[in-house]
Amino acid sequence: MTRSVVVGVDGSRESLVAAEWAAGEAALRGLQLRLVHAAPAPARDSTDEPVALTWQQTGEELLQRAKTDLASRYPRVAMSGVQIADAAATALLSVSETAELLVVGARGEGGFDGLAVGSTALATASTASCAVVIVPGNPAAAAHDAEVCVGTDVRHAAGPPLDFAFSTAQLGGARLHALYAWSLSGPAPWSAHGVPEEDRAAWEDEEVQRLSDVLQGWQDKYAGVPVLPDVVLLHPAYALVHASQRADLLVLGRRSSPRAAERRLGPVAHAVLHHSRCPVVVVPHV
């Protein structure tokens, strides 16, 4: 089976931005790009053959336009397109079972003004068995120096998100920003106000050492990747959204489960997906 980057395309501006990002990632990783257009087919009987034909032609034309446009800028990327008669999330999840990476726009053509993240993006990020990248419609301008930011929990560090972040930084010649954010309990968990200076200093020393211990093995494996360890006393969602303003990619982990019905995003991931200024990749792990 050819390894590929799969991207959902529905003709919306957001999906075309996602396709552009996916093509660049396929070129970087040396993978095939597979464009998927999914929409339920109209019911077929003797009276609606023209409707079915129009549905088919519309999807094929959409895919061909997208491939032609992308091929002009990424001539070395092998591309294919497929139209699937099903709901977008269902189709993308099915195709992504053999994919290296699934890419979707934060919202599609069914979105409305003010909607940050649509149902397809949330469904795929929550349940896909591969890493899923959610690309915002208006990503912030990238920082001058390329940066991959990974959210890290030093007490429950997961290997797959860190491995994905380090390998991506290595491929793109980027700095790895390892962000560990901690929120205080109490009525104002987003603030460090009220913490005695000596207590905060002791806490920071301990947490910095924990982050260093988590990163050590990955720094040995990816020795050429510059790493910025960053421990902050902030709510994780706030810290990650802030970091997205200068990052090229934000990497989060999602605990997986053998049963799709039990796969879900946590509150931090939800908040980040709705407010991130850069693409966010959700990497499943055990």
C-alpha atoms as a PDB file:
ATOM      1  CA  MET A   1       0.000   0.000   0.000  1.00  0.00           C
ATOM      2  CA  THR A   2       1.437   3.390  -1.041  1.00  0.00           C
ATOM      3  CA  ARG A   3       1.943   5.695   1.921  1.00  0.00           C
ATOM      4  CA  SER A   4      -0.019   8.884   1.454  1.00  0.00           C
ATOM      5  CA  VAL A   5      -1.275  12.150   2.822  1.00  0.00           C
ATOM      6  CA  VAL A   6      -5.068  12.263   2.547  1.00  0.00           C
ATOM      7  CA  VAL A   7      -6.892  15.603   2.340  1.00  0.00           C
ATOM      8  CA  GLY A   8     -10.595  16.358   2.210  1.00  0.00           C
ATOM      9  CA  VAL A   9     -11.682  18.756  -0.548  1.00  0.00           C
ATOM     10  CA  ASP A  10     -15.210  20.137  -0.867  1.00  0.00           C
ATOM     11  CA  GLY A  11     -14.613  23.266  -2.933  1.00  0.00           C
ATOM     12  CA  SER A  12     -14.654  25.665   0.004  1.00  0.00           C
ATOM     13  CA  ARG A  13     -11.797  28.113   0.453  1.00  0.00           C
ATOM     14  CA  GLU A  14     -10.900  26.428   3.734  1.00  0.00           C
ATOM     15  CA  SER A  15     -10.559  23.017   2.113  1.00  0.00           C
ATOM     16  CA  LEU A  16      -8.357  24.452  -0.640  1.00  0.00           C
ATOM     17  CA  VAL A  17      -6.092  26.031   1.991  1.00  0.00           C
ATOM     18  CA  ALA A  18      -5.905  22.598   3.633  1.00  0.00           C
ATOM     19  CA  ALA A  19      -5.094  20.960   0.290  1.00  0.00           C
ATOM     20  CA  GLU A  20      -2.266  23.429  -0.277  1.00  0.00           C
ATOM     21  CA  TRP A  21      -0.844  22.619   3.163  1.00  0.00           C
ATOM     22  CA  ALA A  22      -1.230  18.880   2.537  1.00  0.00           C
ATOM     23  CA  ALA A  23       0.587  19.091  -0.798  1.00  0.00           C
ATOM     24  CA  GLY A  24       3.503  20.869   0.840  1.00  0.00           C
ATOM     25  CA  GLU A  25       3.648  18.237   3.563  1.00  0.00           C
ATOM     26  CA  ALA A  26       3.492  15.403   1.023  1.00  0.00           C
ATOM     27  CA  ALA A  27       6.417  16.985  -0.837  1.00  0.00           C
ATOM     28  CA  LEU A  28       8.392  17.329   2.393  1.00  0.00           C
ATOM     29  CA  ARG A  29       7.767  13.728   3.430  1.00  0.00           C
ATOM     30  CA  GLY A  30       8.074  12.165  -0.021  1.00  0.00           C
ATOM     31  CA  LEU A  31       4.521  10.814   0.091  1.00  0.00           C
ATOM     32  CA  GLN A  32       1.654  10.585  -2.385  1.00  0.00           C
ATOM     33  CA  LEU A  33      -1.184  13.085  -2.032  1.00  0.00           C
ATOM     34  CA  ARG A  34      -4.722  11.690  -2.176  1.00  0.00           C
ATOM     35  CA  LEU A  35      -7.557  14.177  -2.550  1.00  0.00           C
ATOM     36  CA  VAL A  36     -10.973  13.021  -1.361  1.00  0.00           C
ATOM     37  CA  HIS A  37     -14.300  14.601  -2.202  1.00  0.00           C
ATOM     38  CA  ALA A  38     -17.145  13.121  -0.178  1.00  0.00           C
ATOM     39  CA  ALA A  39     -20.858  13.817  -0.462  1.00  0.00           C
ATOM     40  CA  PRO A  40     -23.917  11.592  -0.112  1.00  0.00           C
ATOM     41  CA  ALA A  41     -25.139  10.547  -3.557  1.00  0.00           C
ATOM     42  CA  PRO A  42     -28.678  11.493  -4.569  1.00  0.00           C
ATOM     43  CA  ALA A  43     -31.242   8.714  -4.477  1.00  0.00           C
ATOM     44  CA  ARG A  44     -31.343   7.036  -7.855  1.00  0.00           C
ATOM     45  CA  ASP A  45     -34.414   5.949  -9.802  1.00  0.00           C
ATOM     46  CA  SER A  46     -35.684   6.386 -13.330  1.00  0.00           C
ATOM     47  CA  THR A  47     -36.629  10.025 -12.774  1.00  0.00           C
ATOM     48  CA  ASP A  48     -33.451  11.478 -11.281  1.00  0.00           C
ATOM     49  CA  GLU A  49     -30.680  10.212 -13.559  1.00  0.00           C
ATOM     50  CA  PRO A  50     -29.708  13.794 -14.541  1.00  0.00           C
ATOM     51  CA  VAL A  51     -29.334  14.681 -10.854  1.00  0.00           C
ATOM     52  CA  ALA A  52     -27.027  11.723 -10.245  1.00  0.00           C
ATOM     53  CA  LEU A  53     -24.978  12.562 -13.318  1.00  0.00           C
ATOM     54  CA  THR A  54     -24.621  16.194 -12.225  1.00  0.00           C
ATOM     55  CA  TRP A  55     -23.513  15.050  -8.755  1.00  0.00           C
ATOM     56  CA  GLN A  56     -20.824  12.846 -10.258  1.00  0.00           C
ATOM     57  CA  GLN A  57     -19.581  15.443 -12.737  1.00  0.00           C
ATOM     58  CA  THR A  58     -19.439  18.174 -10.101  1.00  0.00           C
ATOM     59  CA  GLY A  59     -17.251  16.073  -7.831  1.00  0.00           C
ATOM     60  CA  GLU A  60     -14.946  14.965 -10.625  1.00  0.00           C
ATOM     61  CA  GLU A  61     -14.505  18.525 -11.882  1.00  0.00           C
ATOM     62  CA  LEU A  62     -13.774  19.784  -8.382  1.00  0.00           C
ATOM     63  CA  LEU A  63     -11.074  17.152  -7.869  1.00  0.00           C
ATOM     64  CA  GLN A  64      -9.524  17.783 -11.278  1.00  0.00           C
ATOM     65  CA  ARG A  65      -9.319  21.545 -10.695  1.00  0.00           C
ATOM     66  CA  ALA A  66      -7.670  20.994  -7.328  1.00  0.00           C
ATOM     67  CA  LYS A  67      -5.157  18.494  -8.728  1.00  0.00           C
ATOM     68  CA  THR A  68      -4.285  20.735 -11.689  1.00  0.00           C
ATOM     69  CA  ASP A  69      -3.759  23.736  -9.450  1.00  0.00           C
ATOM     70  CA  LEU A  70      -1.596  21.860  -6.938  1.00  0.00           C
ATOM     71  CA  ALA A  71       0.415  19.996  -9.584  1.00  0.00           C
ATOM     72  CA  SER A  72       1.632  23.293 -11.012  1.00  0.00           C
ATOM     73  CA  ARG A  73       3.319  24.103  -7.702  1.00  0.00           C
ATOM     74  CA  TYR A  74       4.218  20.604  -6.530  1.00  0.00           C
ATOM     75  CA  PRO A  75       5.188  18.794  -9.746  1.00  0.00           C
ATOM     76  CA  ARG A  76       7.095  16.047  -7.936  1.00  0.00           C
ATOM     77  CA  VAL A  77       4.170  14.991  -5.752  1.00  0.00           C
ATOM     78  CA  ALA A  78       2.171  12.053  -7.111  1.00  0.00           C
ATOM     79  CA  MET A  79      -1.518  12.932  -6.802  1.00  0.00           C
ATOM     80  CA  SER A  80      -4.758  11.039  -7.097  1.00  0.00           C
ATOM     81  CA  GLY A  81      -8.377  11.913  -6.437  1.00  0.00           C
ATOM     82  CA  VAL A  82     -11.386   9.909  -5.363  1.00  0.00           C
ATOM     83  CA  GLN A  83     -15.049  10.763  -4.977  1.00  0.00           C
ATOM     84  CA  ILE A  84     -16.933   8.894  -2.261  1.00  0.00           C
ATOM     85  CA  ALA A  85     -20.695   8.767  -1.884  1.00  0.00           C
ATOM     86  CA  ASP A  86     -20.884   9.205   1.859  1.00  0.00           C
ATOM     87  CA  ALA A  87     -20.827  11.789   4.620  1.00  0.00           C
ATOM     88  CA  ALA A  88     -17.495  13.630   4.738  1.00  0.00           C
ATOM     89  CA  ALA A  89     -16.356  12.423   8.158  1.00  0.00           C
ATOM     90  CA  THR A  90     -17.299   8.800   7.439  1.00  0.00           C
ATOM     91  CA  ALA A  91     -15.520   8.798   4.085  1.00  0.00           C
ATOM     92  CA  LEU A  92     -12.364  10.468   5.354  1.00  0.00           C
ATOM     93  CA  LEU A  93     -12.099   8.162   8.347  1.00  0.00           C
ATOM     94  CA  SER A  94     -12.432   5.137   6.075  1.00  0.00           C
ATOM     95  CA  VAL A  95      -9.788   6.310   3.604  1.00  0.00           C
ATOM     96  CA  SER A  96      -7.415   7.426   6.360  1.00  0.00           C
ATOM     97  CA  GLU A  97      -7.114   3.923   7.828  1.00  0.00           C
ATOM     98  CA  THR A  98      -4.158   3.304   5.507  1.00  0.00           C
ATOM     99  CA  ALA A  99      -2.889   6.907   5.442  1.00  0.00           C
ATOM    100  CA  GLU A 100       0.190   8.410   6.998  1.00  0.00           C
ATOM    101  CA  LEU A 101      -1.611  11.673   7.674  1.00  0.00           C
ATOM    102  CA  LEU A 102      -5.155  13.036   7.295  1.00  0.00           C
ATOM    103  CA  VAL A 103      -5.577  16.763   6.592  1.00  0.00           C
ATOM    104  CA  VAL A 104      -8.855  18.681   6.797  1.00  0.00           C
ATOM    105  CA  GLY A 105      -9.844  22.318   6.803  1.00  0.00           C
ATOM    106  CA  ALA A 106     -11.106  23.695  10.093  1.00  0.00           C
ATOM    107  CA  ARG A 107     -14.511  24.119   8.461  1.00  0.00           C
ATOM    108  CA  GLY A 108     -16.029  23.258   5.109  1.00  0.00           C
ATOM    109  CA  GLU A 109     -18.614  24.593   2.716  1.00  0.00           C
ATOM    110  CA  GLY A 110     -21.384  23.791   5.181  1.00  0.00           C
ATOM    111  CA  GLY A 111     -19.902  26.127   7.781  1.00  0.00           C
ATOM    112  CA  PHE A 112     -21.399  29.472   8.746  1.00  0.00           C
ATOM    113  CA  ASP A 113     -19.879  32.816   9.693  1.00  0.00           C
ATOM    114  CA  GLY A 114     -18.386  32.644  13.170  1.00  0.00           C
ATOM    115  CA  LEU A 115     -17.900  28.862  13.085  1.00  0.00           C
ATOM    116  CA  ALA A 116     -14.252  28.145  13.929  1.00  0.00           C
ATOM    117  CA  VAL A 117     -14.196  24.355  13.676  1.00  0.00           C
ATOM    118  CA  GLY A 118     -16.771  22.253  11.860  1.00  0.00           C
ATOM    119  CA  SER A 119     -18.208  18.845  12.668  1.00  0.00           C
ATOM    120  CA  THR A 120     -16.048  16.992  10.122  1.00  0.00           C
ATOM    121  CA  ALA A 121     -12.831  18.391  11.580  1.00  0.00           C
ATOM    122  CA  LEU A 122     -13.876  17.517  15.122  1.00  0.00           C
ATOM    123  CA  ALA A 123     -15.055  14.028  14.166  1.00  0.00           C
ATOM    124  CA  THR A 124     -11.846  13.127  12.345  1.00  0.00           C
ATOM    125  CA  ALA A 125      -9.572  14.608  15.007  1.00  0.00           C
ATOM    126  CA  SER A 126     -11.478  12.696  17.672  1.00  0.00           C
ATOM    127  CA  THR A 127     -11.634   9.255  16.109  1.00  0.00           C
ATOM    128  CA  ALA A 128      -9.099   8.754  13.297  1.00  0.00           C
ATOM    129  CA  SER A 129      -6.490   6.072  13.832  1.00  0.00           C
ATOM    130  CA  CYS A 130      -3.789   8.202  12.164  1.00  0.00           C
ATOM    131  CA  ALA A 131      -2.532  11.697  12.916  1.00  0.00           C
ATOM    132  CA  VAL A 132      -5.011  14.407  11.828  1.00  0.00           C
ATOM    133  CA  VAL A 133      -4.067  17.963  10.868  1.00  0.00           C
ATOM    134  CA  ILE A 134      -6.677  20.696  11.210  1.00  0.00           C
ATOM    135  CA  VAL A 135      -5.759  23.696   9.043  1.00  0.00           C
ATOM    136  CA  PRO A 136      -7.353  27.075   9.903  1.00  0.00           C
ATOM    137  CA  GLY A 137      -8.788  29.117   7.089  1.00  0.00           C
ATOM    138  CA  ASN A 138      -6.636  32.131   7.962  1.00  0.00           C
ATOM    139  CA  PRO A 139      -3.395  30.843   9.464  1.00  0.00           C
ATOM    140  CA  ALA A 140      -1.104  33.419  11.013  1.00  0.00           C
ATOM    141  CA  ALA A 141       2.013  34.403   9.110  1.00  0.00           C
ATOM    142  CA  ALA A 142       4.765  31.982  10.086  1.00  0.00           C
ATOM    143  CA  ALA A 143       7.625  33.190  12.248  1.00  0.00           C
ATOM    144  CA  HIS A 144      10.893  33.955  10.478  1.00  0.00           C
ATOM    145  CA  ASP A 145      12.469  30.870  12.056  1.00  0.00           C
ATOM    146  CA  ALA A 146      10.494  27.672  11.461  1.00  0.00           C
ATOM    147  CA  GLU A 147       9.055  26.233  14.635  1.00  0.00           C
ATOM    148  CA  VAL A 148       7.122  23.128  15.632  1.00  0.00           C
ATOM    149  CA  CYS A 149       5.462  23.388  19.032  1.00  0.00           C
ATOM    150  CA  VAL A 150       4.430  20.291  20.981  1.00  0.00           C
ATOM    151  CA  GLY A 151       2.255  20.324  24.076  1.00  0.00           C
ATOM    152  CA  THR A 152       3.907  18.120  26.700  1.00  0.00           C
ATOM    153  CA  ASP A 153       2.544  16.642  29.908  1.00  0.00           C
ATOM    154  CA  VAL A 154       5.600  15.689  31.938  1.00  0.00           C
ATOM    155  CA  ARG A 155       3.612  13.388  34.209  1.00  0.00           C
ATOM    156  CA  HIS A 156       1.953  11.454  31.396  1.00  0.00           C
ATOM    157  CA  ALA A 157       4.345  11.964  28.493  1.00  0.00           C
ATOM    158  CA  ALA A 158       3.235  10.120  25.349  1.00  0.00           C
ATOM    159  CA  GLY A 159       5.774   8.921  22.809  1.00  0.00           C
ATOM    160  CA  PRO A 160       3.879   9.267  19.480  1.00  0.00           C
ATOM    161  CA  PRO A 161       3.175  13.044  19.718  1.00  0.00           C
ATOM    162  CA  LEU A 162       6.781  13.761  20.711  1.00  0.00           C
ATOM    163  CA  ASP A 163       8.137  11.488  17.983  1.00  0.00           C
ATOM    164  CA  PHE A 164       5.884  13.183  15.403  1.00  0.00           C
ATOM    165  CA  ALA A 165       6.960  16.646  16.569  1.00  0.00           C
ATOM    166  CA  PHE A 166      10.673  15.878  16.576  1.00  0.00           C
ATOM    167  CA  SER A 167      10.603  14.095  13.202  1.00  0.00           C
ATOM    168  CA  THR A 168       8.610  16.928  11.616  1.00  0.00           C
ATOM    169  CA  ALA A 169      11.014  19.525  13.003  1.00  0.00           C
ATOM    170  CA  GLN A 170      13.914  17.502  11.634  1.00  0.00           C
ATOM    171  CA  LEU A 171      12.344  17.244   8.162  1.00  0.00           C
ATOM    172  CA  GLY A 172      11.611  20.956   7.982  1.00  0.00           C
ATOM    173  CA  GLY A 173      14.800  22.201   9.626  1.00  0.00           C
ATOM    174  CA  ALA A 174      12.684  23.742  12.377  1.00  0.00           C
ATOM    175  CA  ARG A 175      13.166  24.414  16.051  1.00  0.00           C
ATOM    176  CA  LEU A 176      11.231  22.194  18.451  1.00  0.00           C
ATOM    177  CA  HIS A 177       9.354  24.189  21.087  1.00  0.00           C
ATOM    178  CA  ALA A 178       8.464  21.761  23.898  1.00  0.00           C
ATOM    179  CA  LEU A 179       5.783  23.526  25.911  1.00  0.00           C
ATOM    180  CA  TYR A 180       4.676  22.322  29.315  1.00  0.00           C
ATOM    181  CA  ALA A 181       1.942  24.434  30.877  1.00  0.00           C
ATOM    182  CA  TRP A 182       0.538  23.967  34.336  1.00  0.00           C
ATOM    183  CA  SER A 183      -2.622  25.472  35.800  1.00  0.00           C
ATOM    184  CA  LEU A 184      -3.125  26.123  39.486  1.00  0.00           C
ATOM    185  CA  SER A 185      -6.146  24.821  41.317  1.00  0.00           C
ATOM    186  CA  GLY A 186      -8.488  27.316  42.910  1.00  0.00           C
ATOM    187  CA  PRO A 187     -10.746  30.115  41.675  1.00  0.00           C
ATOM    188  CA  ALA A 188      -8.258  31.588  39.195  1.00  0.00           C
ATOM    189  CA  PRO A 189      -6.413  28.697  37.527  1.00  0.00           C
ATOM    190  CA  TRP A 190      -5.287  30.742  34.525  1.00  0.00           C
ATOM    191  CA  SER A 191      -3.180  33.129  36.571  1.00  0.00           C
ATOM    192  CA  ALA A 192       0.084  32.929  38.486  1.00  0.00           C
ATOM    193  CA  HIS A 193      -0.921  35.869  40.707  1.00  0.00           C
ATOM    194  CA  GLY A 194      -0.867  35.120  44.402  1.00  0.00           C
ATOM    195  CA  VAL A 195       1.846  32.463  44.235  1.00  0.00           C
ATOM    196  CA  PRO A 196       4.701  33.266  46.665  1.00  0.00           C
ATOM    197  CA  GLU A 197       7.940  33.869  44.784  1.00  0.00           C
ATOM    198  CA  GLU A 198       9.869  31.208  46.684  1.00  0.00           C
ATOM    199  CA  ASP A 199       7.145  28.603  46.065  1.00  0.00           C
ATOM    200  CA  ARG A 200       7.021  29.438  42.384  1.00  0.00           C
ATOM    201  CA  ALA A 201      10.806  29.196  42.036  1.00  0.00           C
ATOM    202  CA  ALA A 202      10.840  25.774  43.700  1.00  0.00           C
ATOM    203  CA  TRP A 203       7.984  24.578  41.510  1.00  0.00           C
ATOM    204  CA  GLU A 204       9.672  25.830  38.345  1.00  0.00           C
ATOM    205  CA  ASP A 205      12.957  24.094  39.169  1.00  0.00           C
ATOM    206  CA  GLU A 206      11.174  20.800  39.718  1.00  0.00           C
ATOM    207  CA  GLU A 207       9.028  21.034  36.591  1.00  0.00           C
ATOM    208  CA  VAL A 208      11.928  22.158  34.397  1.00  0.00           C
ATOM    209  CA  GLN A 209      13.867  19.082  35.480  1.00  0.00           C
ATOM    210  CA  ARG A 210      10.892  16.835  34.727  1.00  0.00           C
ATOM    211  CA  LEU A 211      10.562  18.293  31.244  1.00  0.00           C
ATOM    212  CA  SER A 212      14.299  17.859  30.695  1.00  0.00           C
ATOM    213  CA  ASP A 213      14.037  14.201  31.696  1.00  0.00           C
ATOM    214  CA  VAL A 214      11.144  13.638  29.267  1.00  0.00           C
ATOM    215  CA  LEU A 215      12.982  15.283  26.369  1.00  0.00           C
ATOM    216  CA  GLN A 216      16.387  13.693  26.900  1.00  0.00           C
ATOM    217  CA  GLY A 217      15.759  10.489  24.963  1.00  0.00           C
ATOM    218  CA  TRP A 218      14.170  12.337  22.046  1.00  0.00           C
ATOM    219  CA  GLN A 219      17.026  14.832  21.903  1.00  0.00           C
ATOM    220  CA  ASP A 220      19.437  11.915  21.700  1.00  0.00           C
ATOM    221  CA  LYS A 221      17.411  10.354  18.866  1.00  0.00           C
ATOM    222  CA  TYR A 222      17.035  13.635  16.954  1.00  0.00           C
ATOM    223  CA  ALA A 223      20.383  15.176  17.831  1.00  0.00           C
ATOM    224  CA  GLY A 224      20.262  17.755  15.042  1.00  0.00           C
ATOM    225  CA  VAL A 225      16.980  19.349  16.155  1.00  0.00           C
ATOM    226  CA  PRO A 226      17.350  22.527  18.242  1.00  0.00           C
ATOM    227  CA  VAL A 227      15.040  22.336  21.254  1.00  0.00           C
ATOM    228  CA  LEU A 228      13.473  25.086  23.342  1.00  0.00           C
ATOM    229  CA  PRO A 229      12.163  23.620  26.637  1.00  0.00           C
ATOM    230  CA  ASP A 230       9.462  25.908  27.995  1.00  0.00           C
ATOM    231  CA  VAL A 231       7.708  25.564  31.359  1.00  0.00           C
ATOM    232  CA  VAL A 232       4.980  28.122  32.029  1.00  0.00           C
ATOM    233  CA  LEU A 233       2.530  28.654  34.845  1.00  0.00           C
ATOM    234  CA  LEU A 234      -0.576  29.098  32.714  1.00  0.00           C
ATOM    235  CA  HIS A 235      -3.657  27.155  31.721  1.00  0.00           C
ATOM    236  CA  PRO A 236      -2.509  24.711  28.972  1.00  0.00           C
ATOM    237  CA  ALA A 237      -5.088  25.900  26.439  1.00  0.00           C
ATOM    238  CA  TYR A 238      -4.130  29.538  26.905  1.00  0.00           C
ATOM    239  CA  ALA A 239      -0.418  28.755  26.628  1.00  0.00           C
ATOM    240  CA  LEU A 240      -0.829  26.617  23.500  1.00  0.00           C
ATOM    241  CA  VAL A 241      -3.053  29.118  21.705  1.00  0.00           C
ATOM    242  CA  HIS A 242      -0.536  31.847  22.491  1.00  0.00           C
ATOM    243  CA  ALA A 243       2.294  29.655  21.158  1.00  0.00           C
ATOM    244  CA  SER A 244       0.331  29.065  17.929  1.00  0.00           C
ATOM    245  CA  GLN A 245       0.825  32.703  16.993  1.00  0.00           C
ATOM    246  CA  ARG A 246       4.470  32.071  16.107  1.00  0.00           C
ATOM    247  CA  ALA A 247       4.522  28.323  15.382  1.00  0.00           C
ATOM    248  CA  ASP A 248       4.247  26.680  11.971  1.00  0.00           C
ATOM    249  CA  LEU A 249       2.615  23.595  13.487  1.00  0.00           C
ATOM    250  CA  LEU A 250       1.174  22.748  16.887  1.00  0.00           C
ATOM    251  CA  VAL A 251       1.283  19.082  17.978  1.00  0.00           C
ATOM    252  CA  LEU A 252      -1.155  17.619  20.496  1.00  0.00           C
ATOM    253  CA  GLY A 253      -1.728  14.092  21.727  1.00  0.00           C
ATOM    254  CA  ARG A 254      -5.043  12.268  22.004  1.00  0.00           C
ATOM    255  CA  ARG A 255      -5.485   9.116  24.021  1.00  0.00           C
ATOM    256  CA  SER A 256      -6.736   6.411  21.697  1.00  0.00           C
ATOM    257  CA  SER A 257      -8.971   3.423  22.321  1.00  0.00           C
ATOM    258  CA  PRO A 258      -9.650   0.212  20.371  1.00  0.00           C
ATOM    259  CA  ARG A 259     -13.300   1.267  20.277  1.00  0.00           C
ATOM    260  CA  ALA A 260     -14.073   4.316  18.155  1.00  0.00           C
ATOM    261  CA  ALA A 261     -17.030   5.253  20.362  1.00  0.00           C
ATOM    262  CA  GLU A 262     -14.624   5.873  23.254  1.00  0.00           C
ATOM    263  CA  ARG A 263     -12.249   8.110  21.301  1.00  0.00           C
ATOM    264  CA  ARG A 264     -12.673  11.784  22.112  1.00  0.00           C
ATOM    265  CA  LEU A 265     -10.849  15.059  22.391  1.00  0.00           C
ATOM    266  CA  GLY A 266     -10.199  16.588  25.790  1.00  0.00           C
ATOM    267  CA  PRO A 267     -11.191  20.151  26.729  1.00  0.00           C
ATOM    268  CA  VAL A 268      -7.704  21.530  26.070  1.00  0.00           C
ATOM    269  CA  ALA A 269      -7.612  20.101  22.539  1.00  0.00           C
ATOM    270  CA  HIS A 270     -11.110  21.476  21.869  1.00  0.00           C
ATOM    271  CA  ALA A 271     -10.076  24.959  22.982  1.00  0.00           C
ATOM    272  CA  VAL A 272      -6.868  24.873  20.955  1.00  0.00           C
ATOM    273  CA  LEU A 273      -8.606  23.697  17.767  1.00  0.00           C
ATOM    274  CA  HIS A 274     -11.114  26.540  18.038  1.00  0.00           C
ATOM    275  CA  HIS A 275      -8.554  29.286  18.624  1.00  0.00           C
ATOM    276  CA  SER A 276      -5.214  28.204  17.140  1.00  0.00           C
ATOM    277  CA  ARG A 277      -3.643  30.508  14.572  1.00  0.00           C
ATOM    278  CA  CYS A 278      -1.575  27.733  12.966  1.00  0.00           C
ATOM    279  CA  PRO A 279      -2.322  24.174  11.798  1.00  0.00           C
ATOM    280  CA  VAL A 280      -2.833  21.709  14.647  1.00  0.00           C
ATOM    281  CA  VAL A 281      -2.008  18.013  14.418  1.00  0.00           C
ATOM    282  CA  VAL A 282      -3.704  15.594  16.797  1.00  0.00           C
ATOM    283  CA  VAL A 283      -1.653  12.425  17.245  1.00  0.00           C
ATOM    284  CA  PRO A 284      -3.377   9.367  18.772  1.00  0.00           C
ATOM    285  CA  HIS A 285      -1.508   7.344  21.363  1.00  0.00           C
ATOM    286  CA  VAL A 286      -2.244   4.520  23.788  1.00  0.00           C
END
